[in-house]
N, C-alpha and C. Protein backbone atom coordinates (compact mmCIF):
# COMPACT_ATOMS: atom_id res chain seq x y z
N UNK A 1 99.80 111.95 97.68
CA UNK A 1 101.08 111.51 98.19
C UNK A 1 101.81 110.69 97.12
N UNK A 2 101.06 109.95 96.31
CA UNK A 2 101.69 109.16 95.26
C UNK A 2 102.46 110.05 94.29
N UNK A 3 101.89 111.20 93.95
CA UNK A 3 102.55 112.12 93.04
C UNK A 3 103.88 112.60 93.62
N UNK A 4 103.88 112.89 94.92
CA UNK A 4 105.12 113.31 95.59
C UNK A 4 106.20 112.25 95.44
N UNK A 5 105.86 111.00 95.73
CA UNK A 5 106.85 109.92 95.63
C UNK A 5 107.25 109.66 94.18
N UNK A 6 106.32 109.84 93.25
CA UNK A 6 106.66 109.70 91.83
C UNK A 6 107.70 110.73 91.41
N UNK A 7 107.55 111.97 91.88
CA UNK A 7 108.52 113.03 91.52
C UNK A 7 109.88 112.75 92.14
N UNK A 8 109.91 112.22 93.35
CA UNK A 8 111.19 111.84 93.97
C UNK A 8 111.85 110.76 93.13
N UNK A 9 111.08 109.78 92.69
CA UNK A 9 111.61 108.71 91.84
C UNK A 9 112.12 109.27 90.52
N UNK A 10 111.41 110.24 89.94
CA UNK A 10 111.88 110.88 88.71
C UNK A 10 113.25 111.52 88.92
N UNK A 11 113.44 112.12 90.08
CA UNK A 11 114.74 112.74 90.38
C UNK A 11 115.86 111.69 90.38
N UNK A 12 115.54 110.50 90.81
CA UNK A 12 116.57 109.46 90.89
C UNK A 12 116.82 108.79 89.54
N UNK A 13 115.77 108.67 88.73
CA UNK A 13 115.91 107.94 87.47
C UNK A 13 116.13 108.85 86.26
N UNK A 14 115.50 110.02 86.24
CA UNK A 14 115.55 110.89 85.06
C UNK A 14 116.47 112.08 85.30
N UNK A 15 116.21 112.83 86.35
CA UNK A 15 117.03 114.01 86.71
C UNK A 15 118.11 113.56 87.67
N UNK A 16 119.04 112.78 87.16
CA UNK A 16 120.02 112.12 88.03
C UNK A 16 120.89 113.09 88.81
N UNK A 17 121.22 114.23 88.23
CA UNK A 17 122.04 115.20 88.96
C UNK A 17 121.28 115.73 90.19
N UNK A 18 119.99 115.98 90.02
CA UNK A 18 119.17 116.40 91.16
C UNK A 18 119.06 115.27 92.18
N UNK A 19 118.88 114.06 91.69
CA UNK A 19 118.81 112.90 92.58
C UNK A 19 120.07 112.71 93.38
N UNK A 20 121.22 112.96 92.78
CA UNK A 20 122.49 112.82 93.51
C UNK A 20 122.59 113.81 94.66
N UNK A 21 121.96 114.97 94.50
CA UNK A 21 121.97 115.97 95.58
C UNK A 21 121.17 115.49 96.79
N UNK A 22 120.28 114.53 96.59
CA UNK A 22 119.49 113.98 97.70
C UNK A 22 120.26 112.92 98.49
N UNK A 23 121.36 112.43 97.95
CA UNK A 23 122.14 111.38 98.61
C UNK A 23 122.57 111.85 100.00
N UNK A 24 122.31 111.01 100.98
CA UNK A 24 122.69 111.31 102.35
C UNK A 24 121.74 112.22 103.10
N UNK A 25 120.69 112.68 102.42
CA UNK A 25 119.71 113.57 103.05
C UNK A 25 118.69 112.75 103.84
N UNK A 26 118.15 113.36 104.86
CA UNK A 26 117.11 112.71 105.66
C UNK A 26 115.73 113.10 105.14
N UNK A 27 114.77 112.21 105.32
CA UNK A 27 113.38 112.50 104.97
C UNK A 27 112.61 112.64 106.28
N UNK A 28 111.80 113.67 106.37
CA UNK A 28 111.00 113.91 107.57
C UNK A 28 109.53 113.82 107.21
N UNK A 29 108.79 113.21 108.09
CA UNK A 29 107.35 113.05 107.88
C UNK A 29 106.64 114.01 108.84
N UNK A 30 105.73 114.81 108.31
CA UNK A 30 104.95 115.75 109.11
C UNK A 30 103.47 115.43 108.92
N UNK A 31 102.76 115.37 110.02
CA UNK A 31 101.32 115.12 109.96
C UNK A 31 100.62 116.14 110.84
N UNK A 32 99.54 116.66 110.34
CA UNK A 32 98.77 117.66 111.09
C UNK A 32 97.37 117.08 111.33
N UNK A 33 97.12 116.66 112.55
CA UNK A 33 95.84 116.07 112.91
C UNK A 33 95.49 116.42 114.35
N UNK A 34 94.27 116.18 114.73
CA UNK A 34 93.86 116.44 116.10
C UNK A 34 94.05 115.23 117.00
N UNK A 35 94.22 114.04 116.41
CA UNK A 35 94.42 112.82 117.20
C UNK A 35 95.86 112.76 117.71
N UNK A 36 96.05 112.10 118.84
CA UNK A 36 97.39 111.91 119.38
C UNK A 36 98.11 110.75 118.71
N UNK A 37 97.38 109.85 118.08
CA UNK A 37 97.98 108.66 117.49
C UNK A 37 98.01 108.76 115.97
N UNK A 38 99.07 108.24 115.39
CA UNK A 38 99.17 108.15 113.93
C UNK A 38 98.49 106.85 113.51
N UNK A 39 97.69 106.91 112.48
CA UNK A 39 97.00 105.72 111.99
C UNK A 39 98.01 104.68 111.53
N UNK A 40 97.67 103.43 111.78
CA UNK A 40 98.55 102.33 111.37
C UNK A 40 98.75 102.37 109.85
N UNK A 41 99.98 102.25 109.42
CA UNK A 41 100.30 102.25 108.00
C UNK A 41 100.61 103.61 107.42
N UNK A 42 100.40 104.69 108.19
CA UNK A 42 100.65 106.03 107.67
C UNK A 42 102.12 106.22 107.29
N UNK A 43 103.02 105.71 108.10
CA UNK A 43 104.46 105.91 107.87
C UNK A 43 105.03 104.96 106.82
N UNK A 44 104.30 103.90 106.47
CA UNK A 44 104.83 102.88 105.56
C UNK A 44 105.33 103.43 104.23
N UNK A 45 104.60 104.30 103.53
CA UNK A 45 105.11 104.80 102.25
C UNK A 45 106.44 105.56 102.39
N UNK A 46 106.58 106.28 103.49
CA UNK A 46 107.83 107.01 103.72
C UNK A 46 108.99 106.04 103.98
N UNK A 47 108.74 105.07 104.85
CA UNK A 47 109.77 104.08 105.20
C UNK A 47 110.17 103.28 103.96
N UNK A 48 109.19 102.79 103.22
CA UNK A 48 109.49 101.97 102.05
C UNK A 48 110.17 102.78 100.93
N UNK A 49 109.79 104.03 100.77
CA UNK A 49 110.41 104.83 99.71
C UNK A 49 111.86 105.15 100.03
N UNK A 50 112.20 105.29 101.30
CA UNK A 50 113.61 105.53 101.62
C UNK A 50 114.43 104.27 101.37
N UNK A 51 113.85 103.11 101.63
CA UNK A 51 114.54 101.85 101.31
C UNK A 51 114.73 101.75 99.80
N UNK A 52 113.68 102.05 99.02
CA UNK A 52 113.74 102.02 97.56
C UNK A 52 114.75 103.02 97.04
N UNK A 53 114.74 104.23 97.61
CA UNK A 53 115.67 105.30 97.17
C UNK A 53 117.11 104.86 97.42
N UNK A 54 117.37 104.26 98.56
CA UNK A 54 118.72 103.80 98.86
C UNK A 54 119.15 102.68 97.92
N UNK A 55 118.22 101.80 97.55
CA UNK A 55 118.53 100.73 96.60
C UNK A 55 118.86 101.29 95.23
N UNK A 56 118.15 102.33 94.79
CA UNK A 56 118.39 102.91 93.47
C UNK A 56 119.76 103.59 93.38
N UNK A 57 120.21 104.14 94.50
CA UNK A 57 121.46 104.89 94.48
C UNK A 57 122.70 104.02 94.59
N UNK A 58 122.53 102.74 94.78
CA UNK A 58 123.69 101.83 94.89
C UNK A 58 124.19 101.43 93.55
């Protein structure tokens, strides 16, 4: 998952034209498990990265 977020960050810092295409887009989290509950902290990297992404684009 870290690699995924690193590549998103690269789009914002290095491939800026690609990063600009992400502006205003939504991020969706998908999990495939047999449990009905999501483990505590699972969503945190997604939530925090969208906050970070929004800060970078300002």
